[in-house]
Every structure is written in C-alpha cells, then in structure tokens.
PDB file of N, CA and C in Angstrom:
ATOM      1  N   MET A   1      18.877 -11.753   0.170  1.00  0.00           N
ATOM      2  CA  MET A   1      18.232 -10.480   0.044  1.00  0.00           C
ATOM      3  C   MET A   1      16.721 -10.648  -0.004  1.00  0.00           C
ATOM      4  N   VAL A   2      16.251 -11.612  -0.749  1.00  0.00           N
ATOM      5  CA  VAL A   2      14.813 -11.834  -0.859  1.00  0.00           C
ATOM      6  C   VAL A   2      14.240 -12.268   0.485  1.00  0.00           C
ATOM      7  N   ILE A   3      15.003 -13.064   1.216  1.00  0.00           N
ATOM      8  CA  ILE A   3      14.545 -13.519   2.532  1.00  0.00           C
ATOM      9  C   ILE A   3      14.426 -12.336   3.485  1.00  0.00           C
ATOM     10  N   PHE A   4      15.413 -11.439   3.471  1.00  0.00           N
ATOM     11  CA  PHE A   4      15.349 -10.258   4.335  1.00  0.00           C
ATOM     12  C   PHE A   4      14.181  -9.357   3.951  1.00  0.00           C
ATOM     13  N   ALA A   5      13.932  -9.212   2.651  1.00  0.00           N
ATOM     14  CA  ALA A   5      12.822  -8.369   2.207  1.00  0.00           C
ATOM     15  C   ALA A   5      11.484  -8.971   2.623  1.00  0.00           C
ATOM     16  N   ALA A   6      11.328 -10.288   2.453  1.00  0.00           N
ATOM     17  CA  ALA A   6      10.081 -10.938   2.848  1.00  0.00           C
ATOM     18  C   ALA A   6       9.881 -10.866   4.355  1.00  0.00           C
ATOM     19  N   LEU A   7      10.943 -11.094   5.100  1.00  0.00           N
ATOM     20  CA  LEU A   7      10.857 -11.012   6.556  1.00  0.00           C
ATOM     21  C   LEU A   7      10.547  -9.584   7.000  1.00  0.00           C
ATOM     22  N   GLY A   8      11.156  -8.610   6.346  1.00  0.00           N
ATOM     23  CA  GLY A   8      10.886  -7.213   6.667  1.00  0.00           C
ATOM     24  C   GLY A   8       9.445  -6.831   6.402  1.00  0.00           C
ATOM     25  N   LEU A   9       8.898  -7.286   5.278  1.00  0.00           N
ATOM     26  CA  LEU A   9       7.494  -7.005   4.981  1.00  0.00           C
ATOM     27  C   LEU A   9       6.566  -7.691   5.970  1.00  0.00           C
ATOM     28  N   PHE A  10       6.898  -8.918   6.351  1.00  0.00           N
ATOM     29  CA  PHE A  10       6.072  -9.631   7.323  1.00  0.00           C
ATOM     30  C   PHE A  10       6.076  -8.923   8.675  1.00  0.00           C
ATOM     31  N   VAL A  11       7.250  -8.542   9.154  1.00  0.00           N
ATOM     32  CA  VAL A  11       7.354  -7.860  10.449  1.00  0.00           C
ATOM     33  C   VAL A  11       6.668  -6.499  10.391  1.00  0.00           C
ATOM     34  N   LEU A  12       6.823  -5.802   9.271  1.00  0.00           N
ATOM     35  CA  LEU A  12       6.179  -4.502   9.114  1.00  0.00           C
ATOM     36  C   LEU A  12       4.659  -4.631   9.121  1.00  0.00           C
ATOM     37  N   SER A  13       4.129  -5.614   8.411  1.00  0.00           N
ATOM     38  CA  SER A  13       2.674  -5.796   8.396  1.00  0.00           C
ATOM     39  C   SER A  13       2.163  -6.291   9.742  1.00  0.00           C
ATOM     40  N   TYR A  14       2.933  -7.124  10.426  1.00  0.00           N
ATOM     41  CA  TYR A  14       2.534  -7.584  11.758  1.00  0.00           C
ATOM     42  C   TYR A  14       2.498  -6.415  12.742  1.00  0.00           C
ATOM     43  N   GLY A  15       3.488  -5.563  12.671  1.00  0.00           N
ATOM     44  CA  GLY A  15       3.509  -4.389  13.539  1.00  0.00           C
ATOM     45  C   GLY A  15       2.383  -3.426  13.226  1.00  0.00           C
ATOM     46  N   TRP A  16       2.045  -3.309  11.954  1.00  0.00           N
ATOM     47  CA  TRP A  16       0.977  -2.402  11.565  1.00  0.00           C
ATOM     48  C   TRP A  16      -0.379  -2.879  12.091  1.00  0.00           C
ATOM     49  N   ARG A  17      -0.545  -4.193  12.283  1.00  0.00           N
ATOM     50  CA  ARG A  17      -1.812  -4.745  12.784  1.00  0.00           C
ATOM     51  C   ARG A  17      -1.950  -4.677  14.295  1.00  0.00           C
ATOM     52  N   GLN A  18      -0.910  -4.286  15.019  1.00  0.00           N
ATOM     53  CA  GLN A  18      -0.961  -4.230  16.482  1.00  0.00           C
ATOM     54  C   GLN A  18      -1.606  -2.922  16.933  1.00  0.00           C
ATOM     55  N   LYS A  19      -2.926  -2.871  16.892  1.00  0.00           N
ATOM     56  CA  LYS A  19      -3.646  -1.638  17.232  1.00  0.00           C
ATOM     57  C   LYS A  19      -3.718  -1.419  18.741  1.00  0.00           C
ATOM     58  N   ASN A  20      -3.824  -2.492  19.520  1.00  0.00           N
ATOM     59  CA  ASN A  20      -4.031  -2.361  20.965  1.00  0.00           C
ATOM     60  C   ASN A  20      -2.738  -2.139  21.739  1.00  0.00           C
ATOM     61  N   ARG A  21      -1.604  -2.427  21.125  1.00  0.00           N
ATOM     62  CA  ARG A  21      -0.315  -2.313  21.824  1.00  0.00           C
ATOM     63  C   ARG A  21       0.592  -1.353  21.060  1.00  0.00           C
ATOM     64  N   PRO A  22       0.492  -0.050  21.363  1.00  0.00           N
ATOM     65  CA  PRO A  22       1.249   0.929  20.567  1.00  0.00           C
ATOM     66  C   PRO A  22       2.763   0.816  20.706  1.00  0.00           C
ATOM     67  N   ALA A  23       3.272   0.428  21.882  1.00  0.00           N
ATOM     68  CA  ALA A  23       4.727   0.316  22.046  1.00  0.00           C
ATOM     69  C   ALA A  23       5.273  -0.833  21.198  1.00  0.00           C
ATOM     70  N   VAL A  24       4.569  -1.949  21.201  1.00  0.00           N
ATOM     71  CA  VAL A  24       4.991  -3.107  20.401  1.00  0.00           C
ATOM     72  C   VAL A  24       4.878  -2.777  18.917  1.00  0.00           C
ATOM     73  N   ARG A  25       3.851  -2.020  18.571  1.00  0.00           N
ATOM     74  CA  ARG A  25       3.639  -1.641  17.177  1.00  0.00           C
ATOM     75  C   ARG A  25       4.835  -0.856  16.639  1.00  0.00           C
ATOM     76  N   VAL A  26       5.292   0.119  17.400  1.00  0.00           N
ATOM     77  CA  VAL A  26       6.410   0.956  16.955  1.00  0.00           C
ATOM     78  C   VAL A  26       7.682   0.127  16.804  1.00  0.00           C
ATOM     79  N   VAL A  27       7.928  -0.777  17.741  1.00  0.00           N
ATOM     80  CA  VAL A  27       9.138  -1.607  17.678  1.00  0.00           C
ATOM     81  C   VAL A  27       9.120  -2.490  16.434  1.00  0.00           C
ATOM     82  N   PHE A  28       7.997  -3.132  16.149  1.00  0.00           N
ATOM     83  CA  PHE A  28       7.916  -4.001  14.976  1.00  0.00           C
ATOM     84  C   PHE A  28       8.011  -3.206  13.679  1.00  0.00           C
ATOM     85  N   ILE A  29       7.409  -2.036  13.639  1.00  0.00           N
ATOM     86  CA  ILE A  29       7.476  -1.221  12.426  1.00  0.00           C
ATOM     87  C   ILE A  29       8.910  -0.767  12.167  1.00  0.00           C
ATOM     88  N   ILE A  30       9.599  -0.316  13.193  1.00  0.00           N
ATOM     89  CA  ILE A  30      10.992   0.122  13.022  1.00  0.00           C
ATOM     90  C   ILE A  30      11.876  -1.047  12.609  1.00  0.00           C
ATOM     91  N   PHE A  31      11.689  -2.218  13.237  1.00  0.00           N
ATOM     92  CA  PHE A  31      12.486  -3.390  12.884  1.00  0.00           C
ATOM     93  C   PHE A  31      12.206  -3.825  11.448  1.00  0.00           C
ATOM     94  N   GLY A  32      10.955  -3.775  11.025  1.00  0.00           N
ATOM     95  CA  GLY A  32      10.612  -4.123   9.649  1.00  0.00           C
ATOM     96  C   GLY A  32      11.243  -3.180   8.642  1.00  0.00           C
ATOM     97  N   ILE A  33      11.234  -1.883   8.957  1.00  0.00           N
ATOM     98  CA  ILE A  33      11.859  -0.905   8.063  1.00  0.00           C
ATOM     99  C   ILE A  33      13.364  -1.134   7.986  1.00  0.00           C
ATOM    100  N   LEU A  34      13.990  -1.429   9.130  1.00  0.00           N
ATOM    101  CA  LEU A  34      15.433  -1.703   9.123  1.00  0.00           C
ATOM    102  C   LEU A  34      15.766  -2.936   8.287  1.00  0.00           C
ATOM    103  N   LEU A  35      14.929  -3.975   8.368  1.00  0.00           N
ATOM    104  CA  LEU A  35      15.166  -5.163   7.545  1.00  0.00           C
ATOM    105  C   LEU A  35      15.019  -4.845   6.062  1.00  0.00           C
ATOM    106  N   LEU A  36      14.040  -4.024   5.708  1.00  0.00           N
ATOM    107  CA  LEU A  36      13.873  -3.648   4.307  1.00  0.00           C
ATOM    108  C   LEU A  36      15.052  -2.812   3.807  1.00  0.00           C
ATOM    109  N   VAL A  37      15.556  -1.923   4.638  1.00  0.00           N
ATOM    110  CA  VAL A  37      16.731  -1.129   4.256  1.00  0.00           C
ATOM    111  C   VAL A  37      17.943  -2.036   4.077  1.00  0.00           C
ATOM    112  N   PHE A  38      18.127  -2.995   4.988  1.00  0.00           N
ATOM    113  CA  PHE A  38      19.246  -3.929   4.871  1.00  0.00           C
ATOM    114  C   PHE A  38      19.116  -4.770   3.599  1.00  0.00           C
ATOM    115  N   ALA A  39      17.894  -5.190   3.269  1.00  0.00           N
ATOM    116  CA  ALA A  39      17.692  -5.956   2.036  1.00  0.00           C
ATOM    117  C   ALA A  39      18.011  -5.101   0.814  1.00  0.00           C
ATOM    118  N   GLY A  40      17.649  -3.838   0.862  1.00  0.00           N
ATOM    119  CA  GLY A  40      17.970  -2.944  -0.247  1.00  0.00           C
ATOM    120  C   GLY A  40      19.457  -2.717  -0.398  1.00  0.00           C
ATOM    121  N   ILE A  41      20.154  -2.616   0.721  1.00  0.00           N
ATOM    122  CA  ILE A  41      21.613  -2.428   0.670  1.00  0.00           C
ATOM    123  C   ILE A  41      22.290  -3.668   0.106  1.00  0.00           C
ATOM    124  N   THR A  42      21.865  -4.840   0.531  1.00  0.00           N
ATOM    125  CA  THR A  42      22.515  -6.061   0.056  1.00  0.00           C
ATOM    126  C   THR A  42      22.126  -6.410  -1.376  1.00  0.00           C
ATOM    127  N   ALA A  43      21.166  -5.698  -1.954  1.00  0.00           N
ATOM    128  CA  ALA A  43      20.773  -5.971  -3.333  1.00  0.00           C
ATOM    129  C   ALA A  43      21.784  -5.426  -4.333  1.00  0.00           C
ATOM    130  N   THR A  44      22.589  -4.470  -3.922  1.00  0.00           N
ATOM    131  CA  THR A  44      23.568  -3.882  -4.837  1.00  0.00           C
ATOM    132  C   THR A  44      24.944  -4.503  -4.593  1.00  0.00           C
ATOM    133  N   PRO A  45      25.778  -4.553  -5.604  1.00  0.00           N
ATOM    134  CA  PRO A  45      27.127  -5.103  -5.407  1.00  0.00           C
ATOM    135  C   PRO A  45      27.955  -4.302  -4.404  1.00  0.00           C
ATOM    136  N   GLN A  46      27.822  -2.978  -4.430  1.00  0.00           N
ATOM    137  CA  GLN A  46      28.561  -2.153  -3.485  1.00  0.00           C
ATOM    138  C   GLN A  46      28.079  -2.406  -2.061  1.00  0.00           C
ATOM    139  N   GLY A  47      26.773  -2.563  -1.892  1.00  0.00           N
ATOM    140  CA  GLY A  47      26.230  -2.833  -0.563  1.00  0.00           C
ATOM    141  C   GLY A  47      26.670  -4.184  -0.032  1.00  0.00           C
ATOM    142  N   THR A  48      26.735  -5.176  -0.908  1.00  0.00           N
ATOM    143  CA  THR A  48      27.202  -6.493  -0.493  1.00  0.00           C
ATOM    144  C   THR A  48      28.654  -6.429  -0.045  1.00  0.00           C
ATOM    145  N   GLU A  49      29.458  -5.642  -0.747  1.00  0.00           N
ATOM    146  CA  GLU A  49      30.865  -5.490  -0.362  1.00  0.00           C
ATOM    147  C   GLU A  49      30.984  -4.782   0.989  1.00  0.00           C
ATOM    148  N   ILE A  50      30.163  -3.766   1.211  1.00  0.00           N
ATOM    149  CA  ILE A  50      30.186  -3.049   2.493  1.00  0.00           C
ATOM    150  C   ILE A  50      29.797  -3.976   3.632  1.00  0.00           C
ATOM    151  N   VAL A  51      28.759  -4.769   3.437  1.00  0.00           N
ATOM    152  CA  VAL A  51      28.312  -5.690   4.482  1.00  0.00           C
ATOM    153  C   VAL A  51      29.373  -6.749   4.749  1.00  0.00           C
ATOM    154  N   SER A  52      30.028  -7.244   3.707  1.00  0.00           N
ATOM    155  CA  SER A  52      31.068  -8.256   3.921  1.00  0.00           C
ATOM    156  C   SER A  52      32.249  -7.674   4.692  1.00  0.00           C
ATOM    157  N   HIS A  53      32.568  -6.402   4.473  1.00  0.00           N
ATOM    158  CA  HIS A  53      33.644  -5.764   5.235  1.00  0.00           C
ATOM    159  C   HIS A  53      33.228  -5.499   6.677  1.00  0.00           C
ATOM    160  N   MET A  54      31.948  -5.245   6.904  1.00  0.00           N
ATOM    161  CA  MET A  54      31.468  -5.020   8.269  1.00  0.00           C
ATOM    162  C   MET A  54      31.529  -6.299   9.091  1.00  0.00           C
ATOM    163  N   ILE A  55      31.289  -7.431   8.460  1.00  0.00           N
ATOM    164  CA  ILE A  55      31.279  -8.713   9.171  1.00  0.00           C
ATOM    165  C   ILE A  55      32.699  -9.139   9.520  1.00  0.00           C
ATOM    166  N   GLN A  56      33.658  -8.869   8.654  1.00  0.00           N
ATOM    167  CA  GLN A  56      35.033  -9.322   8.884  1.00  0.00           C
ATOM    168  C   GLN A  56      35.729  -8.506   9.893  1.00  0.00           C
TER     169      GLN A  56
END
C-alpha cells in the first residue's frame, strides 16, 4: 500500500510538472490519482479482501 501511494504521488507530481505537453500531463495525473485510490482501497481490510477476490 505504501509503495502504491508513493508511486501515485510521484506520477501525480511528474504529470503536474508537464507544462509543455498537455496530453501527457492529463494521462499522468489520471494514472497518479488511480494509483492513490488503489492504495486507499488496499489500506482497509475490506478493500484488501475485494482486491484479492478480483485477482482470483
């Protein structure tokens, strides 16, 4: 969970710094937000159970 959160913050900040390339900026920002949401879901016991059922 911590790895996903750190990676999400890194991707989000990298996307936020892409001033000259707006299409790339949007893709990185959306991907960073999705990683942060996934990290938040896996932080709870119910979310971990849901993710484990999705993988199986």
